[in-house]
ModelCIF file with pLDDT and N, C-alpha, C, O atoms, coordinates in Angstrom:
data_MODEL
#
_entry.id   MODEL 
#
_entity.id                         1 
_entity.type                       polymer 
_entity.pdbx_number_of_molecules   1 
#
_entity_poly.entity_id                      1 
_entity_poly.type                           'polypeptide(L)' 
_entity_poly.nstd_linkage                   no 
_entity_poly.nstd_monomer                   no 
_entity_poly.pdbx_seq_one_letter_code       
;(UNK)(UNK)(UNK)(UNK)(UNK)(UNK)(UNK)(UNK)(UNK)(UNK)(UNK)(UNK)(UNK)(UNK)(UNK)(UNK)
(UNK)(UNK)(UNK)(UNK)(UNK)(UNK)(UNK)(UNK)(UNK)(UNK)(UNK)(UNK)(UNK)(UNK)(UNK)(UNK)
(UNK)(UNK)(UNK)(UNK)(UNK)(UNK)(UNK)(UNK)(UNK)(UNK)(UNK)(UNK)(UNK)(UNK)(UNK)
;
_entity_poly.pdbx_seq_one_letter_code_can   XXXXXXXXXXXXXXXXXXXXXXXXXXXXXXXXXXXXXXXXXXXXXXX 
_entity_poly.pdbx_strand_id                 A 
#
loop_
_entity_poly_seq.entity_id 
_entity_poly_seq.num 
_entity_poly_seq.mon_id 
_entity_poly_seq.hetero 
1 1  UNK n 
1 2  UNK n 
1 3  UNK n 
1 4  UNK n 
1 5  UNK n 
1 6  UNK n 
1 7  UNK n 
1 8  UNK n 
1 9  UNK n 
1 10 UNK n 
1 11 UNK n 
1 12 UNK n 
1 13 UNK n 
1 14 UNK n 
1 15 UNK n 
1 16 UNK n 
1 17 UNK n 
1 18 UNK n 
1 19 UNK n 
1 20 UNK n 
1 21 UNK n 
1 22 UNK n 
1 23 UNK n 
1 24 UNK n 
1 25 UNK n 
1 26 UNK n 
1 27 UNK n 
1 28 UNK n 
1 29 UNK n 
1 30 UNK n 
1 31 UNK n 
1 32 UNK n 
1 33 UNK n 
1 34 UNK n 
1 35 UNK n 
1 36 UNK n 
1 37 UNK n 
1 38 UNK n 
1 39 UNK n 
1 40 UNK n 
1 41 UNK n 
1 42 UNK n 
1 43 UNK n 
1 44 UNK n 
1 45 UNK n 
1 46 UNK n 
1 47 UNK n 
#
_struct_asym.id          A 
_struct_asym.entity_id   1 
#
loop_
_ma_qa_metric.id 
_ma_qa_metric.mode 
_ma_qa_metric.name 
_ma_qa_metric.software_group_id 
_ma_qa_metric.type 
1 global pLDDT . pLDDT 
2 local  pLDDT . pLDDT 
#
_ma_qa_metric_global.metric_id      1 
_ma_qa_metric_global.metric_value   97.15 
_ma_qa_metric_global.model_id       1 
_ma_qa_metric_global.ordinal_id     1 
#
loop_
_ma_qa_metric_local.label_asym_id 
_ma_qa_metric_local.label_comp_id 
_ma_qa_metric_local.label_seq_id 
_ma_qa_metric_local.metric_id 
_ma_qa_metric_local.metric_value 
_ma_qa_metric_local.model_id 
_ma_qa_metric_local.ordinal_id 
A UNK 1  2 97.00 1 1  
A UNK 2  2 98.00 1 2  
A UNK 3  2 98.00 1 3  
A UNK 4  2 98.00 1 4  
A UNK 5  2 98.00 1 5  
A UNK 6  2 98.00 1 6  
A UNK 7  2 98.00 1 7  
A UNK 8  2 98.00 1 8  
A UNK 9  2 98.00 1 9  
A UNK 10 2 98.00 1 10 
A UNK 11 2 98.00 1 11 
A UNK 12 2 98.00 1 12 
A UNK 13 2 98.00 1 13 
A UNK 14 2 98.00 1 14 
A UNK 15 2 98.00 1 15 
A UNK 16 2 98.00 1 16 
A UNK 17 2 98.00 1 17 
A UNK 18 2 98.00 1 18 
A UNK 19 2 96.00 1 19 
A UNK 20 2 96.00 1 20 
A UNK 21 2 96.00 1 21 
A UNK 22 2 97.00 1 22 
A UNK 23 2 98.00 1 23 
A UNK 24 2 97.00 1 24 
A UNK 25 2 95.00 1 25 
A UNK 26 2 95.00 1 26 
A UNK 27 2 93.00 1 27 
A UNK 28 2 91.00 1 28 
A UNK 29 2 93.00 1 29 
A UNK 30 2 95.00 1 30 
A UNK 31 2 97.00 1 31 
A UNK 32 2 97.00 1 32 
A UNK 33 2 97.00 1 33 
A UNK 34 2 97.00 1 34 
A UNK 35 2 98.00 1 35 
A UNK 36 2 98.00 1 36 
A UNK 37 2 98.00 1 37 
A UNK 38 2 98.00 1 38 
A UNK 39 2 98.00 1 39 
A UNK 40 2 98.00 1 40 
A UNK 41 2 98.00 1 41 
A UNK 42 2 98.00 1 42 
A UNK 43 2 98.00 1 43 
A UNK 44 2 98.00 1 44 
A UNK 45 2 98.00 1 45 
A UNK 46 2 98.00 1 46 
A UNK 47 2 97.00 1 47 
#
loop_
_atom_site.group_PDB 
_atom_site.id 
_atom_site.type_symbol 
_atom_site.label_atom_id 
_atom_site.label_alt_id 
_atom_site.label_comp_id 
_atom_site.label_asym_id 
_atom_site.label_entity_id 
_atom_site.label_seq_id 
_atom_site.pdbx_PDB_ins_code 
_atom_site.Cartn_x 
_atom_site.Cartn_y 
_atom_site.Cartn_z 
_atom_site.occupancy 
_atom_site.B_iso_or_equiv 
_atom_site.pdbx_formal_charge 
_atom_site.auth_seq_id 
_atom_site.auth_comp_id 
_atom_site.auth_asym_id 
_atom_site.auth_atom_id 
_atom_site.pdbx_PDB_model_num 
ATOM 1   N N  . UNK A 1 1  ? -5.474 14.812  2.925   1.00 97.00 ? 1  UNK A N  1 
ATOM 2   C CA . UNK A 1 1  ? -6.115 15.536  4.030   1.00 97.00 ? 1  UNK A CA 1 
ATOM 3   C C  . UNK A 1 1  ? -6.164 14.705  5.312   1.00 97.00 ? 1  UNK A C  1 
ATOM 4   O O  . UNK A 1 1  ? -6.401 15.240  6.394   1.00 97.00 ? 1  UNK A O  1 
ATOM 5   N N  . UNK A 1 2  ? -5.941 13.397  5.187   1.00 98.00 ? 2  UNK A N  1 
ATOM 6   C CA . UNK A 1 2  ? -6.103 12.467  6.311   1.00 98.00 ? 2  UNK A CA 1 
ATOM 7   C C  . UNK A 1 2  ? -4.774 12.096  6.955   1.00 98.00 ? 2  UNK A C  1 
ATOM 8   O O  . UNK A 1 2  ? -4.667 12.045  8.180   1.00 98.00 ? 2  UNK A O  1 
ATOM 9   N N  . UNK A 1 3  ? -3.764 11.840  6.134   1.00 98.00 ? 3  UNK A N  1 
ATOM 10  C CA . UNK A 1 3  ? -2.502 11.330  6.674   1.00 98.00 ? 3  UNK A CA 1 
ATOM 11  C C  . UNK A 1 3  ? -1.788 12.321  7.595   1.00 98.00 ? 3  UNK A C  1 
ATOM 12  O O  . UNK A 1 3  ? -1.336 11.907  8.662   1.00 98.00 ? 3  UNK A O  1 
ATOM 13  N N  . UNK A 1 4  ? -1.661 13.609  7.246   1.00 98.00 ? 4  UNK A N  1 
ATOM 14  C CA . UNK A 1 4  ? -0.928 14.520  8.145   1.00 98.00 ? 4  UNK A CA 1 
ATOM 15  C C  . UNK A 1 4  ? -1.493 14.600  9.567   1.00 98.00 ? 4  UNK A C  1 
ATOM 16  O O  . UNK A 1 4  ? -0.716 14.527  10.519  1.00 98.00 ? 4  UNK A O  1 
ATOM 17  N N  . UNK A 1 5  ? -2.812 14.745  9.755   1.00 98.00 ? 5  UNK A N  1 
ATOM 18  C CA . UNK A 1 5  ? -3.296 14.787  11.147  1.00 98.00 ? 5  UNK A CA 1 
ATOM 19  C C  . UNK A 1 5  ? -3.155 13.463  11.882  1.00 98.00 ? 5  UNK A C  1 
ATOM 20  O O  . UNK A 1 5  ? -2.937 13.457  13.094  1.00 98.00 ? 5  UNK A O  1 
ATOM 21  N N  . UNK A 1 6  ? -3.274 12.337  11.176  1.00 98.00 ? 6  UNK A N  1 
ATOM 22  C CA . UNK A 1 6  ? -3.077 11.050  11.847  1.00 98.00 ? 6  UNK A CA 1 
ATOM 23  C C  . UNK A 1 6  ? -1.620 10.887  12.266  1.00 98.00 ? 6  UNK A C  1 
ATOM 24  O O  . UNK A 1 6  ? -1.331 10.277  13.295  1.00 98.00 ? 6  UNK A O  1 
ATOM 25  N N  . UNK A 1 7  ? -0.699 11.435  11.463  1.00 98.00 ? 7  UNK A N  1 
ATOM 26  C CA . UNK A 1 7  ? 0.736  11.343  11.786  1.00 98.00 ? 7  UNK A CA 1 
ATOM 27  C C  . UNK A 1 7  ? 1.069  12.076  13.080  1.00 98.00 ? 7  UNK A C  1 
ATOM 28  O O  . UNK A 1 7  ? 2.109  11.825  13.690  1.00 98.00 ? 7  UNK A O  1 
ATOM 29  N N  . UNK A 1 8  ? 0.192  12.979  13.498  1.00 98.00 ? 8  UNK A N  1 
ATOM 30  C CA . UNK A 1 8  ? 0.381  13.650  14.785  1.00 98.00 ? 8  UNK A CA 1 
ATOM 31  C C  . UNK A 1 8  ? -0.022 12.748  15.952  1.00 98.00 ? 8  UNK A C  1 
ATOM 32  O O  . UNK A 1 8  ? 0.289  13.034  17.109  1.00 98.00 ? 8  UNK A O  1 
ATOM 33  N N  . UNK A 1 9  ? -0.723 11.650  15.632  1.00 98.00 ? 9  UNK A N  1 
ATOM 34  C CA . UNK A 1 9  ? -1.228 10.749  16.665  1.00 98.00 ? 9  UNK A CA 1 
ATOM 35  C C  . UNK A 1 9  ? -0.428 9.453   16.763  1.00 98.00 ? 9  UNK A C  1 
ATOM 36  O O  . UNK A 1 9  ? -0.181 8.943   17.856  1.00 98.00 ? 9  UNK A O  1 
ATOM 37  N N  . UNK A 1 10 ? -0.026 8.929   15.602  1.00 98.00 ? 10 UNK A N  1 
ATOM 38  C CA . UNK A 1 10 ? 0.660  7.635   15.556  1.00 98.00 ? 10 UNK A CA 1 
ATOM 39  C C  . UNK A 1 10 ? 1.314  7.483   14.188  1.00 98.00 ? 10 UNK A C  1 
ATOM 40  O O  . UNK A 1 10 ? 1.262  8.402   13.369  1.00 98.00 ? 10 UNK A O  1 
ATOM 41  N N  . UNK A 1 11 ? 1.923  6.339   13.937  1.00 98.00 ? 11 UNK A N  1 
ATOM 42  C CA . UNK A 1 11 ? 2.512  6.099   12.620  1.00 98.00 ? 11 UNK A CA 1 
ATOM 43  C C  . UNK A 1 11 ? 1.391  5.786   11.624  1.00 98.00 ? 11 UNK A C  1 
ATOM 44  O O  . UNK A 1 11 ? 0.420  5.112   11.965  1.00 98.00 ? 11 UNK A O  1 
ATOM 45  N N  . UNK A 1 12 ? 1.535  6.278   10.399  1.00 98.00 ? 12 UNK A N  1 
ATOM 46  C CA . UNK A 1 12 ? 0.505  6.084   9.384   1.00 98.00 ? 12 UNK A CA 1 
ATOM 47  C C  . UNK A 1 12 ? 1.174  5.910   8.025   1.00 98.00 ? 12 UNK A C  1 
ATOM 48  O O  . UNK A 1 12 ? 2.127  6.616   7.694   1.00 98.00 ? 12 UNK A O  1 
ATOM 49  N N  . UNK A 1 13 ? 0.664  4.964   7.247   1.00 98.00 ? 13 UNK A N  1 
ATOM 50  C CA . UNK A 1 13 ? 1.231  4.672   5.918   1.00 98.00 ? 13 UNK A CA 1 
ATOM 51  C C  . UNK A 1 13 ? 0.136  4.660   4.869   1.00 98.00 ? 13 UNK A C  1 
ATOM 52  O O  . UNK A 1 13 ? -0.902 4.021   5.042   1.00 98.00 ? 13 UNK A O  1 
ATOM 53  N N  . UNK A 1 14 ? 0.376  5.369   3.786   1.00 98.00 ? 14 UNK A N  1 
ATOM 54  C CA . UNK A 1 14 ? -0.434 5.229   2.583   1.00 98.00 ? 14 UNK A CA 1 
ATOM 55  C C  . UNK A 1 14 ? 0.446  4.572   1.528   1.00 98.00 ? 14 UNK A C  1 
ATOM 56  O O  . UNK A 1 14 ? 1.670  4.565   1.655   1.00 98.00 ? 14 UNK A O  1 
ATOM 57  N N  . UNK A 1 15 ? -0.164 4.030   0.500   1.00 98.00 ? 15 UNK A N  1 
ATOM 58  C CA . UNK A 1 15 ? 0.629  3.380   -0.546  1.00 98.00 ? 15 UNK A CA 1 
ATOM 59  C C  . UNK A 1 15 ? -0.171 3.379   -1.835  1.00 98.00 ? 15 UNK A C  1 
ATOM 60  O O  . UNK A 1 15 ? -1.357 3.707   -1.846  1.00 98.00 ? 15 UNK A O  1 
ATOM 61  N N  . UNK A 1 16 ? 0.493  3.006   -2.925  1.00 98.00 ? 16 UNK A N  1 
ATOM 62  C CA . UNK A 1 16 ? -0.161 2.897   -4.221  1.00 98.00 ? 16 UNK A CA 1 
ATOM 63  C C  . UNK A 1 16 ? -0.208 1.434   -4.640  1.00 98.00 ? 16 UNK A C  1 
ATOM 64  O O  . UNK A 1 16 ? 0.825  0.769   -4.712  1.00 98.00 ? 16 UNK A O  1 
ATOM 65  N N  . UNK A 1 17 ? -1.400 0.941   -4.912  1.00 98.00 ? 17 UNK A N  1 
ATOM 66  C CA . UNK A 1 17 ? -1.509 -0.420  -5.424  1.00 98.00 ? 17 UNK A CA 1 
ATOM 67  C C  . UNK A 1 17 ? -0.804 -0.521  -6.781  1.00 98.00 ? 17 UNK A C  1 
ATOM 68  O O  . UNK A 1 17 ? -0.498 0.492   -7.410  1.00 98.00 ? 17 UNK A O  1 
ATOM 69  N N  . UNK A 1 18 ? -0.558 -1.726  -7.211  1.00 98.00 ? 18 UNK A N  1 
ATOM 70  C CA . UNK A 1 18 ? 0.166  -1.959  -8.458  1.00 98.00 ? 18 UNK A CA 1 
ATOM 71  C C  . UNK A 1 18 ? -0.497 -1.224  -9.623  1.00 98.00 ? 18 UNK A C  1 
ATOM 72  O O  . UNK A 1 18 ? -1.689 -1.388  -9.885  1.00 98.00 ? 18 UNK A O  1 
ATOM 73  N N  . UNK A 1 19 ? 0.299  -0.417  -10.310 1.00 96.00 ? 19 UNK A N  1 
ATOM 74  C CA . UNK A 1 19 ? -0.175 0.307   -11.484 1.00 96.00 ? 19 UNK A CA 1 
ATOM 75  C C  . UNK A 1 19 ? -0.661 1.712   -11.222 1.00 96.00 ? 19 UNK A C  1 
ATOM 76  O O  . UNK A 1 19 ? -0.911 2.462   -12.165 1.00 96.00 ? 19 UNK A O  1 
ATOM 77  N N  . UNK A 1 20 ? -0.803 2.090   -9.953  1.00 96.00 ? 20 UNK A N  1 
ATOM 78  C CA . UNK A 1 20 ? -1.323 3.410   -9.624  1.00 96.00 ? 20 UNK A CA 1 
ATOM 79  C C  . UNK A 1 20 ? -0.199 4.347   -9.172  1.00 96.00 ? 20 UNK A C  1 
ATOM 80  O O  . UNK A 1 20 ? 0.712  3.951   -8.446  1.00 96.00 ? 20 UNK A O  1 
ATOM 81  N N  . UNK A 1 21 ? -0.292 5.596   -9.623  1.00 96.00 ? 21 UNK A N  1 
ATOM 82  C CA . UNK A 1 21 ? 0.660  6.654   -9.252  1.00 96.00 ? 21 UNK A CA 1 
ATOM 83  C C  . UNK A 1 21 ? 2.101  6.173   -9.424  1.00 96.00 ? 21 UNK A C  1 
ATOM 84  O O  . UNK A 1 21 ? 2.531  5.892   -10.543 1.00 96.00 ? 21 UNK A O  1 
ATOM 85  N N  . UNK A 1 22 ? 2.848  6.078   -8.324  1.00 97.00 ? 22 UNK A N  1 
ATOM 86  C CA . UNK A 1 22 ? 4.274  5.755   -8.435  1.00 97.00 ? 22 UNK A CA 1 
ATOM 87  C C  . UNK A 1 22 ? 4.568  4.242   -8.495  1.00 97.00 ? 22 UNK A C  1 
ATOM 88  O O  . UNK A 1 22 ? 5.712  3.851   -8.728  1.00 97.00 ? 22 UNK A O  1 
ATOM 89  N N  . UNK A 1 23 ? 3.574  3.411   -8.294  1.00 98.00 ? 23 UNK A N  1 
ATOM 90  C CA . UNK A 1 23 ? 3.811  1.963   -8.279  1.00 98.00 ? 23 UNK A CA 1 
ATOM 91  C C  . UNK A 1 23 ? 3.800  1.365   -9.681  1.00 98.00 ? 23 UNK A C  1 
ATOM 92  O O  . UNK A 1 23 ? 3.107  1.847   -10.577 1.00 98.00 ? 23 UNK A O  1 
ATOM 93  N N  . UNK A 1 24 ? 4.579  0.312   -9.846  1.00 97.00 ? 24 UNK A N  1 
ATOM 94  C CA . UNK A 1 24 ? 4.637  -0.374  -11.134 1.00 97.00 ? 24 UNK A CA 1 
ATOM 95  C C  . UNK A 1 24 ? 3.450  -1.321  -11.291 1.00 97.00 ? 24 UNK A C  1 
ATOM 96  O O  . UNK A 1 24 ? 2.852  -1.759  -10.308 1.00 97.00 ? 24 UNK A O  1 
ATOM 97  N N  . UNK A 1 25 ? 3.123  -1.626  -12.540 1.00 95.00 ? 25 UNK A N  1 
ATOM 98  C CA . UNK A 1 25 ? 2.082  -2.614  -12.811 1.00 95.00 ? 25 UNK A CA 1 
ATOM 99  C C  . UNK A 1 25 ? 2.480  -3.964  -12.231 1.00 95.00 ? 25 UNK A C  1 
ATOM 100 O O  . UNK A 1 25 ? 3.660  -4.314  -12.207 1.00 95.00 ? 25 UNK A O  1 
ATOM 101 N N  . UNK A 1 26 ? 1.490  -4.720  -11.763 1.00 95.00 ? 26 UNK A N  1 
ATOM 102 C CA . UNK A 1 26 ? 1.755  -6.013  -11.158 1.00 95.00 ? 26 UNK A CA 1 
ATOM 103 C C  . UNK A 1 26 ? 1.099  -7.140  -11.931 1.00 95.00 ? 26 UNK A C  1 
ATOM 104 O O  . UNK A 1 26 ? 0.392  -6.894  -12.908 1.00 95.00 ? 26 UNK A O  1 
ATOM 105 N N  . UNK A 1 27 ? 1.325  -8.373  -11.505 1.00 93.00 ? 27 UNK A N  1 
ATOM 106 C CA . UNK A 1 27 ? 0.769  -9.539  -12.196 1.00 93.00 ? 27 UNK A CA 1 
ATOM 107 C C  . UNK A 1 27 ? -0.753 -9.594  -12.075 1.00 93.00 ? 27 UNK A C  1 
ATOM 108 O O  . UNK A 1 27 ? -1.332 -9.105  -11.105 1.00 93.00 ? 27 UNK A O  1 
ATOM 109 N N  . UNK A 1 28 ? -1.378 -10.189 -13.064 1.00 91.00 ? 28 UNK A N  1 
ATOM 110 C CA . UNK A 1 28 ? -2.831 -10.361 -13.050 1.00 91.00 ? 28 UNK A CA 1 
ATOM 111 C C  . UNK A 1 28 ? -3.169 -11.814 -12.739 1.00 91.00 ? 28 UNK A C  1 
ATOM 112 O O  . UNK A 1 28 ? -2.322 -12.689 -12.921 1.00 91.00 ? 28 UNK A O  1 
ATOM 113 N N  . UNK A 1 29 ? -4.379 -12.093 -12.278 1.00 93.00 ? 29 UNK A N  1 
ATOM 114 C CA . UNK A 1 29 ? -5.513 -11.175 -12.117 1.00 93.00 ? 29 UNK A CA 1 
ATOM 115 C C  . UNK A 1 29 ? -5.343 -10.272 -10.903 1.00 93.00 ? 29 UNK A C  1 
ATOM 116 O O  . UNK A 1 29 ? -4.719 -10.652 -9.912  1.00 93.00 ? 29 UNK A O  1 
ATOM 117 N N  . UNK A 1 30 ? -5.912 -9.062  -10.993 1.00 95.00 ? 30 UNK A N  1 
ATOM 118 C CA . UNK A 1 30 ? -5.771 -8.090  -9.924  1.00 95.00 ? 30 UNK A CA 1 
ATOM 119 C C  . UNK A 1 30 ? -6.955 -8.187  -8.961  1.00 95.00 ? 30 UNK A C  1 
ATOM 120 O O  . UNK A 1 30 ? -7.781 -7.278  -8.888  1.00 95.00 ? 30 UNK A O  1 
ATOM 121 N N  . UNK A 1 31 ? -7.027 -9.271  -8.240  1.00 97.00 ? 31 UNK A N  1 
ATOM 122 C CA . UNK A 1 31 ? -8.106 -9.455  -7.269  1.00 97.00 ? 31 UNK A CA 1 
ATOM 123 C C  . UNK A 1 31 ? -7.782 -8.718  -5.972  1.00 97.00 ? 31 UNK A C  1 
ATOM 124 O O  . UNK A 1 31 ? -6.646 -8.309  -5.730  1.00 97.00 ? 31 UNK A O  1 
ATOM 125 N N  . UNK A 1 32 ? -8.814 -8.562  -5.149  1.00 97.00 ? 32 UNK A N  1 
ATOM 126 C CA . UNK A 1 32 ? -8.613 -7.925  -3.847  1.00 97.00 ? 32 UNK A CA 1 
ATOM 127 C C  . UNK A 1 32 ? -7.713 -8.775  -2.957  1.00 97.00 ? 32 UNK A C  1 
ATOM 128 O O  . UNK A 1 32 ? -6.967 -8.233  -2.141  1.00 97.00 ? 32 UNK A O  1 
ATOM 129 N N  . UNK A 1 33 ? -7.770 -10.088 -3.100  1.00 97.00 ? 33 UNK A N  1 
ATOM 130 C CA . UNK A 1 33 ? -6.861 -10.944 -2.305  1.00 97.00 ? 33 UNK A CA 1 
ATOM 131 C C  . UNK A 1 33 ? -5.424 -10.753 -2.765  1.00 97.00 ? 33 UNK A C  1 
ATOM 132 O O  . UNK A 1 33 ? -4.514 -10.722 -1.936  1.00 97.00 ? 33 UNK A O  1 
ATOM 133 N N  . UNK A 1 34 ? -5.198 -10.624 -4.076  1.00 97.00 ? 34 UNK A N  1 
ATOM 134 C CA . UNK A 1 34 ? -3.851 -10.356 -4.572  1.00 97.00 ? 34 UNK A CA 1 
ATOM 135 C C  . UNK A 1 34 ? -3.346 -9.049  -3.983  1.00 97.00 ? 34 UNK A C  1 
ATOM 136 O O  . UNK A 1 34 ? -2.195 -8.959  -3.556  1.00 97.00 ? 34 UNK A O  1 
ATOM 137 N N  . UNK A 1 35 ? -4.208 -8.035  -3.960  1.00 98.00 ? 35 UNK A N  1 
ATOM 138 C CA . UNK A 1 35 ? -3.813 -6.733  -3.409  1.00 98.00 ? 35 UNK A CA 1 
ATOM 139 C C  . UNK A 1 35 ? -3.527 -6.834  -1.923  1.00 98.00 ? 35 UNK A C  1 
ATOM 140 O O  . UNK A 1 35 ? -2.566 -6.237  -1.438  1.00 98.00 ? 35 UNK A O  1 
ATOM 141 N N  . UNK A 1 36 ? -4.352 -7.584  -1.184  1.00 98.00 ? 36 UNK A N  1 
ATOM 142 C CA . UNK A 1 36 ? -4.139 -7.745  0.257   1.00 98.00 ? 36 UNK A CA 1 
ATOM 143 C C  . UNK A 1 36 ? -2.821 -8.462  0.537   1.00 98.00 ? 36 UNK A C  1 
ATOM 144 O O  . UNK A 1 36 ? -2.079 -8.077  1.440   1.00 98.00 ? 36 UNK A O  1 
ATOM 145 N N  . UNK A 1 37 ? -2.534 -9.504  -0.237  1.00 98.00 ? 37 UNK A N  1 
ATOM 146 C CA . UNK A 1 37 ? -1.284 -10.230 -0.050  1.00 98.00 ? 37 UNK A CA 1 
ATOM 147 C C  . UNK A 1 37 ? -0.078 -9.351  -0.389  1.00 98.00 ? 37 UNK A C  1 
ATOM 148 O O  . UNK A 1 37 ? 0.947  -9.409  0.291   1.00 98.00 ? 37 UNK A O  1 
ATOM 149 N N  . UNK A 1 38 ? -0.203 -8.540  -1.439  1.00 98.00 ? 38 UNK A N  1 
ATOM 150 C CA . UNK A 1 38 ? 0.901  -7.653  -1.805  1.00 98.00 ? 38 UNK A CA 1 
ATOM 151 C C  . UNK A 1 38 ? 1.107  -6.578  -0.742  1.00 98.00 ? 38 UNK A C  1 
ATOM 152 O O  . UNK A 1 38 ? 2.244  -6.207  -0.451  1.00 98.00 ? 38 UNK A O  1 
ATOM 153 N N  . UNK A 1 39 ? 0.020  -6.077  -0.161  1.00 98.00 ? 39 UNK A N  1 
ATOM 154 C CA . UNK A 1 39 ? 0.151  -5.107  0.920   1.00 98.00 ? 39 UNK A CA 1 
ATOM 155 C C  . UNK A 1 39 ? 0.879  -5.727  2.107   1.00 98.00 ? 39 UNK A C  1 
ATOM 156 O O  . UNK A 1 39 ? 1.750  -5.097  2.705   1.00 98.00 ? 39 UNK A O  1 
ATOM 157 N N  . UNK A 1 40 ? 0.522  -6.954  2.443   1.00 98.00 ? 40 UNK A N  1 
ATOM 158 C CA . UNK A 1 40 ? 1.182  -7.640  3.553   1.00 98.00 ? 40 UNK A CA 1 
ATOM 159 C C  . UNK A 1 40 ? 2.669  -7.810  3.269   1.00 98.00 ? 40 UNK A C  1 
ATOM 160 O O  . UNK A 1 40 ? 3.501  -7.572  4.144   1.00 98.00 ? 40 UNK A O  1 
ATOM 161 N N  . UNK A 1 41 ? 3.004  -8.218  2.054   1.00 98.00 ? 41 UNK A N  1 
ATOM 162 C CA . UNK A 1 41 ? 4.415  -8.393  1.672   1.00 98.00 ? 41 UNK A CA 1 
ATOM 163 C C  . UNK A 1 41 ? 5.142  -7.058  1.667   1.00 98.00 ? 41 UNK A C  1 
ATOM 164 O O  . UNK A 1 41 ? 6.305  -6.979  2.063   1.00 98.00 ? 41 UNK A O  1 
ATOM 165 N N  . UNK A 1 42 ? 4.461  -6.010  1.220   1.00 98.00 ? 42 UNK A N  1 
ATOM 166 C CA . UNK A 1 42 ? 5.054  -4.674  1.185   1.00 98.00 ? 42 UNK A CA 1 
ATOM 167 C C  . UNK A 1 42 ? 5.415  -4.198  2.589   1.00 98.00 ? 42 UNK A C  1 
ATOM 168 O O  . UNK A 1 42 ? 6.514  -3.692  2.811   1.00 98.00 ? 42 UNK A O  1 
ATOM 169 N N  . UNK A 1 43 ? 4.508  -4.357  3.522   1.00 98.00 ? 43 UNK A N  1 
ATOM 170 C CA . UNK A 1 43 ? 4.761  -3.913  4.896   1.00 98.00 ? 43 UNK A CA 1 
ATOM 171 C C  . UNK A 1 43 ? 5.908  -4.708  5.515   1.00 98.00 ? 43 UNK A C  1 
ATOM 172 O O  . UNK A 1 43 ? 6.742  -4.147  6.226   1.00 98.00 ? 43 UNK A O  1 
ATOM 173 N N  . UNK A 1 44 ? 5.950  -6.015  5.245   1.00 98.00 ? 44 UNK A N  1 
ATOM 174 C CA . UNK A 1 44 ? 7.051  -6.835  5.757   1.00 98.00 ? 44 UNK A CA 1 
ATOM 175 C C  . UNK A 1 44 ? 8.385  -6.402  5.161   1.00 98.00 ? 44 UNK A C  1 
ATOM 176 O O  . UNK A 1 44 ? 9.380  -6.270  5.873   1.00 98.00 ? 44 UNK A O  1 
ATOM 177 N N  . UNK A 1 45 ? 8.395  -6.181  3.841   1.00 98.00 ? 45 UNK A N  1 
ATOM 178 C CA . UNK A 1 45 ? 9.635  -5.793  3.167   1.00 98.00 ? 45 UNK A CA 1 
ATOM 179 C C  . UNK A 1 45 ? 10.126 -4.431  3.633   1.00 98.00 ? 45 UNK A C  1 
ATOM 180 O O  . UNK A 1 45 ? 11.328 -4.168  3.652   1.00 98.00 ? 45 UNK A O  1 
ATOM 181 N N  . UNK A 1 46 ? 9.188  -3.569  4.008   1.00 98.00 ? 46 UNK A N  1 
ATOM 182 C CA . UNK A 1 46 ? 9.545  -2.226  4.463   1.00 98.00 ? 46 UNK A CA 1 
ATOM 183 C C  . UNK A 1 46 ? 9.962  -2.199  5.927   1.00 98.00 ? 46 UNK A C  1 
ATOM 184 O O  . UNK A 1 46 ? 10.450 -1.179  6.414   1.00 98.00 ? 46 UNK A O  1 
ATOM 185 N N  . UNK A 1 47 ? 9.776  -3.303  6.630   1.00 97.00 ? 47 UNK A N  1 
ATOM 186 C CA . UNK A 1 47 ? 10.129 -3.350  8.048   1.00 97.00 ? 47 UNK A CA 1 
ATOM 187 C C  . UNK A 1 47 ? 9.064  -2.755  8.949   1.00 97.00 ? 47 UNK A C  1 
ATOM 188 O O  . UNK A 1 47 ? 9.231  -2.729  10.168  1.00 97.00 ? 47 UNK A O  1 
#
């Protein structure tokens, strides 16, 4: 409900953390810092 209207304003990205929906399971421990670092790497890898 949020992404489509924001896309009318600017670029917007949603994603799935490791193990959720379409994403594969990732290494443990699954801390918030691990997730933040993976998000940063994901955005870089995606350009």
